[in-house]
């Protein structure tokens, strides 16, 4: 009974409740919503957004932010696509690996600028965003890479399934599983939380804060590169403006999922629920016949409601902790 009460009072439980209520409301408006085909479609369509949210979680945990993820995704995906078109990359796995490696290098540069250059994260990633986006236009000569220039196995990957689950969704699930373990049960995970909770205390206790920041932004870049190849494989086309503005959905997924923008607080489970919530909202507004002009406003209102519920639950949790300390 005590464990059940504790579960119901948790942040993740409140977020899950909001998600369930949202799905029930949508189902009442459109009876075809809660079907296997629609659910699979949502997970596949937003797999790269959900995957990016894991990297953004880690960035927010150390008290940082990254608004260059869309540009890094585009630059990585475009570069790998050009290498594929030129015949340098000869199979789908090589395209995924090349895009991930390029994203890793981009993330490493971002981490060095922020940690060693002591540049404020939002300023650093704003500048880097324009650099990477501009570079994606320059290297492609302002042209796109269409499906006819892509390898068949690479294009088929995003449309194929294993055990009834799309391959892109499998990638997303694997990323969540790996970082769930890292953040929950490793010393590295505890150090990431420590750097975000109290940077000064972390340094005094011997935690190499700069190295942790470089690592986190490098991982963010790796995930951006991976998502770049996922994005191109899904659409079978590499456009210079792909993933434009995706940063807002990724950050919203984390905030709705209970991640503190001040750092040191958040969980993989919360981000998973938050990212699914954003995906459901984005998909459902058109299904229930909402006017396109109202969709953005309604989406923002639902996100705000979810955040308010999360804040109320968090305040109650903090108050109970203080009450126990006084006792």
C-alpha atoms as a PDB file:
ATOM      1  CA  UNK A   1       0.000   0.000   0.000  1.00  0.00           C
ATOM      2  CA  UNK A   2       2.831   2.392   0.893  1.00  0.00           C
ATOM      3  CA  UNK A   3       4.626   1.630  -2.377  1.00  0.00           C
ATOM      4  CA  UNK A   4       1.441   2.240  -4.357  1.00  0.00           C
ATOM      5  CA  UNK A   5       0.905   5.598  -2.625  1.00  0.00           C
ATOM      6  CA  UNK A   6       4.509   6.583  -3.293  1.00  0.00           C
ATOM      7  CA  UNK A   7       4.106   5.644  -6.974  1.00  0.00           C
ATOM      8  CA  UNK A   8       0.968   7.737  -7.361  1.00  0.00           C
ATOM      9  CA  UNK A   9       2.767  10.740  -5.840  1.00  0.00           C
ATOM     10  CA  UNK A  10       5.726  10.516  -8.224  1.00  0.00           C
ATOM     11  CA  UNK A  11       6.353  13.002 -11.024  1.00  0.00           C
ATOM     12  CA  UNK A  12       6.363  10.294 -13.689  1.00  0.00           C
ATOM     13  CA  UNK A  13       3.010   8.962 -12.494  1.00  0.00           C
ATOM     14  CA  UNK A  14       1.409  12.399 -12.789  1.00  0.00           C
ATOM     15  CA  UNK A  15       2.824  12.810 -16.301  1.00  0.00           C
ATOM     16  CA  UNK A  16       1.571   9.368 -17.301  1.00  0.00           C
ATOM     17  CA  UNK A  17      -1.873  10.247 -15.964  1.00  0.00           C
ATOM     18  CA  UNK A  18      -1.941  13.408 -18.104  1.00  0.00           C
ATOM     19  CA  UNK A  19      -0.912  11.360 -21.154  1.00  0.00           C
ATOM     20  CA  UNK A  20      -3.595   8.727 -20.533  1.00  0.00           C
ATOM     21  CA  UNK A  21      -6.310  11.378 -20.076  1.00  0.00           C
ATOM     22  CA  UNK A  22      -5.145  13.121 -23.253  1.00  0.00           C
ATOM     23  CA  UNK A  23      -5.343   9.874 -25.234  1.00  0.00           C
ATOM     24  CA  UNK A  24      -8.841   9.143 -23.886  1.00  0.00           C
ATOM     25  CA  UNK A  25     -10.073  12.612 -24.876  1.00  0.00           C
ATOM     26  CA  UNK A  26      -8.666  12.172 -28.385  1.00  0.00           C
ATOM     27  CA  UNK A  27     -10.190   8.686 -28.622  1.00  0.00           C
ATOM     28  CA  UNK A  28     -13.590  10.169 -27.787  1.00  0.00           C
ATOM     29  CA  UNK A  29     -13.207  12.573 -30.720  1.00  0.00           C
ATOM     30  CA  UNK A  30     -11.736  10.004 -33.115  1.00  0.00           C
ATOM     31  CA  UNK A  31     -12.414   6.319 -32.467  1.00  0.00           C
ATOM     32  CA  UNK A  32      -9.555   5.214 -34.742  1.00  0.00           C
ATOM     33  CA  UNK A  33      -6.861   6.918 -32.638  1.00  0.00           C
ATOM     34  CA  UNK A  34      -5.990   4.143 -30.178  1.00  0.00           C
ATOM     35  CA  UNK A  35      -5.284   1.515 -32.825  1.00  0.00           C
ATOM     36  CA  UNK A  36      -2.059  -0.364 -33.519  1.00  0.00           C
ATOM     37  CA  UNK A  37      -1.564   1.327 -36.889  1.00  0.00           C
ATOM     38  CA  UNK A  38      -1.921   4.859 -35.526  1.00  0.00           C
ATOM     39  CA  UNK A  39       0.287   4.161 -32.505  1.00  0.00           C
ATOM     40  CA  UNK A  40       2.992   2.617 -34.704  1.00  0.00           C
ATOM     41  CA  UNK A  41       2.729   5.587 -37.047  1.00  0.00           C
ATOM     42  CA  UNK A  42       3.173   8.074 -34.197  1.00  0.00           C
ATOM     43  CA  UNK A  43       6.210   6.274 -32.795  1.00  0.00           C
ATOM     44  CA  UNK A  44       7.806   5.977 -36.239  1.00  0.00           C
ATOM     45  CA  UNK A  45       7.071   9.557 -37.300  1.00  0.00           C
ATOM     46  CA  UNK A  46       8.503  11.048 -34.121  1.00  0.00           C
ATOM     47  CA  UNK A  47      11.244   8.508 -33.420  1.00  0.00           C
ATOM     48  CA  UNK A  48      14.056  10.983 -34.143  1.00  0.00           C
ATOM     49  CA  UNK A  49      12.444  13.684 -31.962  1.00  0.00           C
ATOM     50  CA  UNK A  50      12.093  11.201 -29.126  1.00  0.00           C
ATOM     51  CA  UNK A  51      15.715  10.102 -29.557  1.00  0.00           C
ATOM     52  CA  UNK A  52      17.002  13.682 -29.597  1.00  0.00           C
ATOM     53  CA  UNK A  53      15.181  14.251 -26.294  1.00  0.00           C
ATOM     54  CA  UNK A  54      17.555  11.809 -24.567  1.00  0.00           C
ATOM     55  CA  UNK A  55      20.557  13.914 -25.561  1.00  0.00           C
ATOM     56  CA  UNK A  56      18.778  17.111 -24.536  1.00  0.00           C
ATOM     57  CA  UNK A  57      17.995  15.537 -21.149  1.00  0.00           C
ATOM     58  CA  UNK A  58      21.701  15.068 -20.489  1.00  0.00           C
ATOM     59  CA  UNK A  59      22.479  18.621 -21.613  1.00  0.00           C
ATOM     60  CA  UNK A  60      19.778  20.064 -19.352  1.00  0.00           C
ATOM     61  CA  UNK A  61      20.938  17.895 -16.432  1.00  0.00           C
ATOM     62  CA  UNK A  62      24.328  19.662 -16.425  1.00  0.00           C
ATOM     63  CA  UNK A  63      22.595  23.039 -16.501  1.00  0.00           C
ATOM     64  CA  UNK A  64      23.211  23.641 -20.198  1.00  0.00           C
ATOM     65  CA  UNK A  65      21.057  23.929 -23.293  1.00  0.00           C
ATOM     66  CA  UNK A  66      21.563  23.178 -26.981  1.00  0.00           C
ATOM     67  CA  UNK A  67      19.552  24.977 -29.645  1.00  0.00           C
ATOM     68  CA  UNK A  68      21.796  23.730 -32.459  1.00  0.00           C
ATOM     69  CA  UNK A  69      20.450  20.165 -32.541  1.00  0.00           C
ATOM     70  CA  UNK A  70      18.380  20.693 -35.689  1.00  0.00           C
ATOM     71  CA  UNK A  71      21.314  22.226 -37.559  1.00  0.00           C
ATOM     72  CA  UNK A  72      23.682  19.470 -36.385  1.00  0.00           C
ATOM     73  CA  UNK A  73      21.164  16.865 -37.502  1.00  0.00           C
ATOM     74  CA  UNK A  74      20.855  18.510 -40.916  1.00  0.00           C
ATOM     75  CA  UNK A  75      24.607  18.919 -41.430  1.00  0.00           C
ATOM     76  CA  UNK A  76      25.339  15.312 -40.404  1.00  0.00           C
ATOM     77  CA  UNK A  77      22.525  13.842 -42.466  1.00  0.00           C
ATOM     78  CA  UNK A  78      23.367  15.955 -45.519  1.00  0.00           C
ATOM     79  CA  UNK A  79      27.094  15.157 -45.371  1.00  0.00           C
ATOM     80  CA  UNK A  80      26.473  11.414 -45.087  1.00  0.00           C
ATOM     81  CA  UNK A  81      23.947  11.622 -47.929  1.00  0.00           C
ATOM     82  CA  UNK A  82      26.468  13.359 -50.186  1.00  0.00           C
ATOM     83  CA  UNK A  83      29.058  10.696 -49.389  1.00  0.00           C
ATOM     84  CA  UNK A  84      26.477   8.051 -50.257  1.00  0.00           C
ATOM     85  CA  UNK A  85      25.596   9.765 -53.530  1.00  0.00           C
ATOM     86  CA  UNK A  86      29.248  10.000 -54.500  1.00  0.00           C
ATOM     87  CA  UNK A  87      29.720   6.255 -53.926  1.00  0.00           C
ATOM     88  CA  UNK A  88      32.075   6.552 -50.951  1.00  0.00           C
ATOM     89  CA  UNK A  89      29.525   4.904 -48.630  1.00  0.00           C
ATOM     90  CA  UNK A  90      28.327   1.626 -50.102  1.00  0.00           C
ATOM     91  CA  UNK A  91      25.826   0.276 -47.544  1.00  0.00           C
ATOM     92  CA  UNK A  92      23.179   1.547 -45.173  1.00  0.00           C
ATOM     93  CA  UNK A  93      25.132   0.779 -42.005  1.00  0.00           C
ATOM     94  CA  UNK A  94      28.053   2.896 -43.262  1.00  0.00           C
ATOM     95  CA  UNK A  95      25.686   5.832 -43.823  1.00  0.00           C
ATOM     96  CA  UNK A  96      24.379   5.599 -40.253  1.00  0.00           C
ATOM     97  CA  UNK A  97      27.934   5.283 -38.897  1.00  0.00           C
ATOM     98  CA  UNK A  98      29.257   8.220 -40.950  1.00  0.00           C
ATOM     99  CA  UNK A  99      26.398  10.510 -39.938  1.00  0.00           C
ATOM    100  CA  UNK A 100      26.850   9.575 -36.269  1.00  0.00           C
ATOM    101  CA  UNK A 101      30.599  10.202 -36.457  1.00  0.00           C
ATOM    102  CA  UNK A 102      30.098  13.609 -38.079  1.00  0.00           C
ATOM    103  CA  UNK A 103      27.586  14.537 -35.394  1.00  0.00           C
ATOM    104  CA  UNK A 104      30.033  13.388 -32.715  1.00  0.00           C
ATOM    105  CA  UNK A 105      32.716  15.743 -34.053  1.00  0.00           C
ATOM    106  CA  UNK A 106      30.191  18.592 -34.178  1.00  0.00           C
ATOM    107  CA  UNK A 107      29.174  17.927 -30.572  1.00  0.00           C
ATOM    108  CA  UNK A 108      32.806  17.774 -29.474  1.00  0.00           C
ATOM    109  CA  UNK A 109      33.420  21.227 -30.970  1.00  0.00           C
ATOM    110  CA  UNK A 110      30.347  22.567 -29.168  1.00  0.00           C
ATOM    111  CA  UNK A 111      31.505  21.077 -25.874  1.00  0.00           C
ATOM    112  CA  UNK A 112      34.991  22.568 -26.223  1.00  0.00           C
ATOM    113  CA  UNK A 113      33.603  26.026 -27.027  1.00  0.00           C
ATOM    114  CA  UNK A 114      31.355  25.935 -23.946  1.00  0.00           C
ATOM    115  CA  UNK A 115      33.730  24.290 -21.446  1.00  0.00           C
ATOM    116  CA  UNK A 116      37.118  25.652 -22.513  1.00  0.00           C
ATOM    117  CA  UNK A 117      35.971  28.891 -24.122  1.00  0.00           C
ATOM    118  CA  UNK A 118      33.631  29.612 -21.185  1.00  0.00           C
ATOM    119  CA  UNK A 119      30.897  30.731 -23.570  1.00  0.00           C
ATOM    120  CA  UNK A 120      27.329  30.720 -22.252  1.00  0.00           C
ATOM    121  CA  UNK A 121      25.623  27.600 -23.712  1.00  0.00           C
ATOM    122  CA  UNK A 122      22.677  29.391 -25.310  1.00  0.00           C
ATOM    123  CA  UNK A 123      25.009  31.907 -27.015  1.00  0.00           C
ATOM    124  CA  UNK A 124      27.473  29.236 -28.126  1.00  0.00           C
ATOM    125  CA  UNK A 125      24.817  26.930 -29.557  1.00  0.00           C
ATOM    126  CA  UNK A 126      23.000  29.828 -31.212  1.00  0.00           C
ATOM    127  CA  UNK A 127      26.153  30.723 -33.158  1.00  0.00           C
ATOM    128  CA  UNK A 128      26.958  27.083 -33.891  1.00  0.00           C
ATOM    129  CA  UNK A 129      23.405  26.580 -35.094  1.00  0.00           C
ATOM    130  CA  UNK A 130      23.897  29.149 -37.846  1.00  0.00           C
ATOM    131  CA  UNK A 131      27.335  27.756 -38.724  1.00  0.00           C
ATOM    132  CA  UNK A 132      26.189  24.147 -39.160  1.00  0.00           C
ATOM    133  CA  UNK A 133      23.004  25.137 -40.983  1.00  0.00           C
ATOM    134  CA  UNK A 134      25.004  27.340 -43.365  1.00  0.00           C
ATOM    135  CA  UNK A 135      27.565  24.591 -43.912  1.00  0.00           C
ATOM    136  CA  UNK A 136      24.820  22.135 -44.892  1.00  0.00           C
ATOM    137  CA  UNK A 137      23.774  24.546 -47.648  1.00  0.00           C
ATOM    138  CA  UNK A 138      27.342  25.151 -48.813  1.00  0.00           C
ATOM    139  CA  UNK A 139      28.502  21.537 -49.037  1.00  0.00           C
ATOM    140  CA  UNK A 140      25.382  20.584 -51.001  1.00  0.00           C
ATOM    141  CA  UNK A 141      25.578  23.609 -53.281  1.00  0.00           C
ATOM    142  CA  UNK A 142      22.076  24.545 -52.098  1.00  0.00           C
ATOM    143  CA  UNK A 143      20.643  21.343 -53.587  1.00  0.00           C
ATOM    144  CA  UNK A 144      18.922  18.323 -52.081  1.00  0.00           C
ATOM    145  CA  UNK A 145      19.772  14.635 -52.310  1.00  0.00           C
ATOM    146  CA  UNK A 146      16.765  12.739 -53.644  1.00  0.00           C
ATOM    147  CA  UNK A 147      15.701   9.127 -53.269  1.00  0.00           C
ATOM    148  CA  UNK A 148      17.165   8.019 -56.606  1.00  0.00           C
ATOM    149  CA  UNK A 149      20.667   8.785 -55.284  1.00  0.00           C
ATOM    150  CA  UNK A 150      20.253   6.697 -52.144  1.00  0.00           C
ATOM    151  CA  UNK A 151      21.096   3.070 -51.446  1.00  0.00           C
ATOM    152  CA  UNK A 152      18.089   0.719 -51.487  1.00  0.00           C
ATOM    153  CA  UNK A 153      18.913  -0.894 -48.121  1.00  0.00           C
ATOM    154  CA  UNK A 154      19.256   2.550 -46.522  1.00  0.00           C
ATOM    155  CA  UNK A 155      15.854   3.712 -47.792  1.00  0.00           C
ATOM    156  CA  UNK A 156      14.193   0.413 -46.883  1.00  0.00           C
ATOM    157  CA  UNK A 157      15.527   0.470 -43.326  1.00  0.00           C
ATOM    158  CA  UNK A 158      13.068   3.127 -42.125  1.00  0.00           C
ATOM    159  CA  UNK A 159      10.122   1.360 -43.745  1.00  0.00           C
ATOM    160  CA  UNK A 160      10.909  -2.138 -42.447  1.00  0.00           C
ATOM    161  CA  UNK A 161      10.073  -3.791 -39.137  1.00  0.00           C
ATOM    162  CA  UNK A 162      11.330  -6.535 -36.852  1.00  0.00           C
ATOM    163  CA  UNK A 163       8.904  -8.319 -34.518  1.00  0.00           C
ATOM    164  CA  UNK A 164       6.237  -5.880 -35.656  1.00  0.00           C
ATOM    165  CA  UNK A 165       8.215  -2.822 -34.519  1.00  0.00           C
ATOM    166  CA  UNK A 166       9.668  -0.368 -37.009  1.00  0.00           C
ATOM    167  CA  UNK A 167      13.466  -0.230 -37.152  1.00  0.00           C
ATOM    168  CA  UNK A 168      13.558   3.472 -36.271  1.00  0.00           C
ATOM    169  CA  UNK A 169      11.514   2.752 -33.152  1.00  0.00           C
ATOM    170  CA  UNK A 170      13.969  -0.018 -32.244  1.00  0.00           C
ATOM    171  CA  UNK A 171      16.813   2.528 -32.410  1.00  0.00           C
ATOM    172  CA  UNK A 172      14.864   4.863 -30.133  1.00  0.00           C
ATOM    173  CA  UNK A 173      14.150   2.094 -27.615  1.00  0.00           C
ATOM    174  CA  UNK A 174      17.816   1.044 -27.571  1.00  0.00           C
ATOM    175  CA  UNK A 175      18.978   4.626 -26.959  1.00  0.00           C
ATOM    176  CA  UNK A 176      16.540   5.006 -24.062  1.00  0.00           C
ATOM    177  CA  UNK A 177      17.610   1.666 -22.569  1.00  0.00           C
ATOM    178  CA  UNK A 178      21.325   2.486 -22.749  1.00  0.00           C
ATOM    179  CA  UNK A 179      21.009   5.908 -21.161  1.00  0.00           C
ATOM    180  CA  UNK A 180      18.558   4.649 -18.545  1.00  0.00           C
ATOM    181  CA  UNK A 181      21.332   2.367 -17.328  1.00  0.00           C
ATOM    182  CA  UNK A 182      24.007   5.066 -17.623  1.00  0.00           C
ATOM    183  CA  UNK A 183      22.110   7.728 -15.703  1.00  0.00           C
ATOM    184  CA  UNK A 184      20.664   5.427 -13.054  1.00  0.00           C
ATOM    185  CA  UNK A 185      23.403   2.951 -12.224  1.00  0.00           C
ATOM    186  CA  UNK A 186      26.805   4.334 -13.212  1.00  0.00           C
ATOM    187  CA  UNK A 187      29.269   6.730 -11.612  1.00  0.00           C
ATOM    188  CA  UNK A 188      29.211   8.790 -14.801  1.00  0.00           C
ATOM    189  CA  UNK A 189      25.467   9.257 -14.429  1.00  0.00           C
ATOM    190  CA  UNK A 190      25.837  10.402 -10.824  1.00  0.00           C
ATOM    191  CA  UNK A 191      28.524  12.878 -11.880  1.00  0.00           C
ATOM    192  CA  UNK A 192      26.259  14.335 -14.577  1.00  0.00           C
ATOM    193  CA  UNK A 193      23.544  14.961 -11.979  1.00  0.00           C
ATOM    194  CA  UNK A 194      26.115  16.402  -9.563  1.00  0.00           C
ATOM    195  CA  UNK A 195      27.480  18.903 -12.085  1.00  0.00           C
ATOM    196  CA  UNK A 196      23.978  20.211 -12.753  1.00  0.00           C
ATOM    197  CA  UNK A 197      22.819  20.226  -9.132  1.00  0.00           C
ATOM    198  CA  UNK A 198      25.753  22.187  -7.720  1.00  0.00           C
ATOM    199  CA  UNK A 199      28.669  22.909 -10.099  1.00  0.00           C
ATOM    200  CA  UNK A 200      30.886  24.458  -7.410  1.00  0.00           C
ATOM    201  CA  UNK A 201      30.407  21.569  -5.003  1.00  0.00           C
ATOM    202  CA  UNK A 202      31.050  19.113  -7.836  1.00  0.00           C
ATOM    203  CA  UNK A 203      34.405  20.726  -8.608  1.00  0.00           C
ATOM    204  CA  UNK A 204      35.375  20.814  -4.924  1.00  0.00           C
ATOM    205  CA  UNK A 205      34.539  17.118  -4.592  1.00  0.00           C
ATOM    206  CA  UNK A 206      36.931  16.293  -7.430  1.00  0.00           C
ATOM    207  CA  UNK A 207      34.477  15.858 -10.296  1.00  0.00           C
ATOM    208  CA  UNK A 208      36.026  17.087 -13.595  1.00  0.00           C
ATOM    209  CA  UNK A 209      33.129  19.351 -14.553  1.00  0.00           C
ATOM    210  CA  UNK A 210      34.656  20.528 -17.838  1.00  0.00           C
ATOM    211  CA  UNK A 211      35.268  16.976 -19.006  1.00  0.00           C
ATOM    212  CA  UNK A 212      31.706  16.021 -18.093  1.00  0.00           C
ATOM    213  CA  UNK A 213      30.374  18.958 -20.122  1.00  0.00           C
ATOM    214  CA  UNK A 214      32.516  18.029 -23.127  1.00  0.00           C
ATOM    215  CA  UNK A 215      31.342  14.441 -22.865  1.00  0.00           C
ATOM    216  CA  UNK A 216      27.658  15.412 -22.637  1.00  0.00           C
ATOM    217  CA  UNK A 217      27.766  17.756 -25.625  1.00  0.00           C
ATOM    218  CA  UNK A 218      29.725  15.173 -27.608  1.00  0.00           C
ATOM    219  CA  UNK A 219      27.025  12.597 -26.837  1.00  0.00           C
ATOM    220  CA  UNK A 220      24.395  15.154 -27.857  1.00  0.00           C
ATOM    221  CA  UNK A 221      26.215  15.539 -31.176  1.00  0.00           C
ATOM    222  CA  UNK A 222      26.380  11.758 -31.634  1.00  0.00           C
ATOM    223  CA  UNK A 223      22.649  11.474 -31.119  1.00  0.00           C
ATOM    224  CA  UNK A 224      22.071  14.346 -33.554  1.00  0.00           C
ATOM    225  CA  UNK A 225      24.184  12.531 -36.149  1.00  0.00           C
ATOM    226  CA  UNK A 226      22.290   9.294 -35.560  1.00  0.00           C
ATOM    227  CA  UNK A 227      18.981  11.125 -35.884  1.00  0.00           C
ATOM    228  CA  UNK A 228      20.219  12.797 -39.059  1.00  0.00           C
ATOM    229  CA  UNK A 229      20.561   9.404 -40.722  1.00  0.00           C
ATOM    230  CA  UNK A 230      17.202   8.302 -39.262  1.00  0.00           C
ATOM    231  CA  UNK A 231      15.543  11.428 -40.643  1.00  0.00           C
ATOM    232  CA  UNK A 232      16.988  11.040 -44.146  1.00  0.00           C
ATOM    233  CA  UNK A 233      16.200   7.315 -44.227  1.00  0.00           C
ATOM    234  CA  UNK A 234      12.610   7.972 -43.190  1.00  0.00           C
ATOM    235  CA  UNK A 235      11.935  10.684 -45.781  1.00  0.00           C
ATOM    236  CA  UNK A 236      14.312   9.198 -48.418  1.00  0.00           C
ATOM    237  CA  UNK A 237      15.469  12.734 -49.066  1.00  0.00           C
ATOM    238  CA  UNK A 238      18.112  15.061 -47.625  1.00  0.00           C
ATOM    239  CA  UNK A 239      16.989  18.686 -47.569  1.00  0.00           C
ATOM    240  CA  UNK A 240      19.042  21.621 -46.339  1.00  0.00           C
ATOM    241  CA  UNK A 241      16.169  22.904 -44.220  1.00  0.00           C
ATOM    242  CA  UNK A 242      15.309  19.537 -42.622  1.00  0.00           C
ATOM    243  CA  UNK A 243      14.525  19.506 -38.920  1.00  0.00           C
ATOM    244  CA  UNK A 244      14.186  23.281 -38.883  1.00  0.00           C
ATOM    245  CA  UNK A 245      12.870  24.308 -35.465  1.00  0.00           C
ATOM    246  CA  UNK A 246      12.935  20.796 -34.036  1.00  0.00           C
ATOM    247  CA  UNK A 247      14.786  22.188 -31.004  1.00  0.00           C
ATOM    248  CA  UNK A 248      11.527  23.526 -29.576  1.00  0.00           C
ATOM    249  CA  UNK A 249       9.784  20.145 -29.650  1.00  0.00           C
ATOM    250  CA  UNK A 250      12.836  18.467 -28.126  1.00  0.00           C
ATOM    251  CA  UNK A 251      13.124  20.987 -25.296  1.00  0.00           C
ATOM    252  CA  UNK A 252       9.349  20.845 -24.767  1.00  0.00           C
ATOM    253  CA  UNK A 253       9.539  17.053 -24.490  1.00  0.00           C
ATOM    254  CA  UNK A 254      12.093  17.391 -21.708  1.00  0.00           C
ATOM    255  CA  UNK A 255      10.258  20.169 -19.865  1.00  0.00           C
ATOM    256  CA  UNK A 256       6.920  18.348 -20.060  1.00  0.00           C
ATOM    257  CA  UNK A 257       8.810  15.276 -18.863  1.00  0.00           C
ATOM    258  CA  UNK A 258       9.796  17.056 -15.660  1.00  0.00           C
ATOM    259  CA  UNK A 259      13.379  18.037 -16.489  1.00  0.00           C
ATOM    260  CA  UNK A 260      14.504  21.172 -14.640  1.00  0.00           C
ATOM    261  CA  UNK A 261      16.009  23.865 -16.870  1.00  0.00           C
ATOM    262  CA  UNK A 262      18.234  24.841 -13.947  1.00  0.00           C
ATOM    263  CA  UNK A 263      19.927  21.428 -14.055  1.00  0.00           C
ATOM    264  CA  UNK A 264      20.299  18.383 -11.826  1.00  0.00           C
ATOM    265  CA  UNK A 265      16.739  17.088 -12.028  1.00  0.00           C
ATOM    266  CA  UNK A 266      15.080  14.827 -14.586  1.00  0.00           C
ATOM    267  CA  UNK A 267      14.763  11.197 -15.590  1.00  0.00           C
ATOM    268  CA  UNK A 268      14.742   9.019 -18.682  1.00  0.00           C
ATOM    269  CA  UNK A 269      11.255   7.740 -17.801  1.00  0.00           C
ATOM    270  CA  UNK A 270       9.926  11.294 -17.545  1.00  0.00           C
ATOM    271  CA  UNK A 271      11.456  12.300 -20.879  1.00  0.00           C
ATOM    272  CA  UNK A 272      10.012   9.202 -22.555  1.00  0.00           C
ATOM    273  CA  UNK A 273       6.531  10.122 -21.322  1.00  0.00           C
ATOM    274  CA  UNK A 274       7.100  13.776 -22.227  1.00  0.00           C
ATOM    275  CA  UNK A 275       8.279  13.008 -25.754  1.00  0.00           C
ATOM    276  CA  UNK A 276       5.366  10.616 -26.345  1.00  0.00           C
ATOM    277  CA  UNK A 277       3.009  13.339 -25.084  1.00  0.00           C
ATOM    278  CA  UNK A 278       4.422  15.860 -27.571  1.00  0.00           C
ATOM    279  CA  UNK A 279       4.175  13.273 -30.366  1.00  0.00           C
ATOM    280  CA  UNK A 280       0.567  12.465 -29.477  1.00  0.00           C
ATOM    281  CA  UNK A 281      -0.360  16.152 -29.385  1.00  0.00           C
ATOM    282  CA  UNK A 282       1.317  16.856 -32.727  1.00  0.00           C
ATOM    283  CA  UNK A 283      -0.359  13.891 -34.419  1.00  0.00           C
ATOM    284  CA  UNK A 284      -3.785  14.147 -32.858  1.00  0.00           C
ATOM    285  CA  UNK A 285      -4.643  17.768 -33.581  1.00  0.00           C
ATOM    286  CA  UNK A 286      -5.118  17.064 -37.259  1.00  0.00           C
ATOM    287  CA  UNK A 287      -6.933  13.779 -36.567  1.00  0.00           C
ATOM    288  CA  UNK A 288      -9.637  15.478 -34.506  1.00  0.00           C
ATOM    289  CA  UNK A 289     -10.199  18.149 -37.154  1.00  0.00           C
ATOM    290  CA  UNK A 290      -8.607  21.123 -35.418  1.00  0.00           C
ATOM    291  CA  UNK A 291      -8.096  24.117 -37.706  1.00  0.00           C
ATOM    292  CA  UNK A 292      -4.386  24.331 -38.669  1.00  0.00           C
ATOM    293  CA  UNK A 293      -4.297  27.950 -37.518  1.00  0.00           C
ATOM    294  CA  UNK A 294      -5.349  26.884 -34.028  1.00  0.00           C
ATOM    295  CA  UNK A 295      -3.112  23.823 -33.775  1.00  0.00           C
ATOM    296  CA  UNK A 296       0.017  25.652 -32.571  1.00  0.00           C
ATOM    297  CA  UNK A 297      -1.925  27.628 -29.956  1.00  0.00           C
ATOM    298  CA  UNK A 298      -3.706  24.525 -28.667  1.00  0.00           C
ATOM    299  CA  UNK A 299      -0.465  22.553 -28.652  1.00  0.00           C
ATOM    300  CA  UNK A 300       1.143  25.276 -26.532  1.00  0.00           C
ATOM    301  CA  UNK A 301      -1.830  25.329 -24.143  1.00  0.00           C
ATOM    302  CA  UNK A 302      -1.689  21.548 -23.627  1.00  0.00           C
ATOM    303  CA  UNK A 303       2.072  21.690 -23.032  1.00  0.00           C
ATOM    304  CA  UNK A 304       1.589  24.532 -20.534  1.00  0.00           C
ATOM    305  CA  UNK A 305      -1.095  22.543 -18.710  1.00  0.00           C
ATOM    306  CA  UNK A 306       1.179  19.504 -18.474  1.00  0.00           C
ATOM    307  CA  UNK A 307       4.007  21.666 -17.127  1.00  0.00           C
ATOM    308  CA  UNK A 308       1.746  23.286 -14.512  1.00  0.00           C
ATOM    309  CA  UNK A 309       0.603  19.855 -13.305  1.00  0.00           C
ATOM    310  CA  UNK A 310       4.233  18.754 -13.106  1.00  0.00           C
ATOM    311  CA  UNK A 311       5.244  21.869 -11.150  1.00  0.00           C
ATOM    312  CA  UNK A 312       2.418  21.365  -8.648  1.00  0.00           C
ATOM    313  CA  UNK A 313       3.418  17.736  -8.103  1.00  0.00           C
ATOM    314  CA  UNK A 314       7.070  18.716  -7.687  1.00  0.00           C
ATOM    315  CA  UNK A 315       6.218  21.403  -5.123  1.00  0.00           C
ATOM    316  CA  UNK A 316       4.184  18.893  -3.136  1.00  0.00           C
ATOM    317  CA  UNK A 317       7.098  16.444  -3.220  1.00  0.00           C
ATOM    318  CA  UNK A 318       9.542  19.128  -2.045  1.00  0.00           C
ATOM    319  CA  UNK A 319       7.189  20.197   0.743  1.00  0.00           C
ATOM    320  CA  UNK A 320       6.860  16.618   2.006  1.00  0.00           C
ATOM    321  CA  UNK A 321      10.654  16.270   2.028  1.00  0.00           C
ATOM    322  CA  UNK A 322      10.978  19.451   4.121  1.00  0.00           C
ATOM    323  CA  UNK A 323       8.246  18.270   6.508  1.00  0.00           C
ATOM    324  CA  UNK A 324      10.069  14.983   7.075  1.00  0.00           C
ATOM    325  CA  UNK A 325      13.309  16.869   7.791  1.00  0.00           C
ATOM    326  CA  UNK A 326      11.580  19.072  10.389  1.00  0.00           C
ATOM    327  CA  UNK A 327      10.232  15.979  12.084  1.00  0.00           C
END
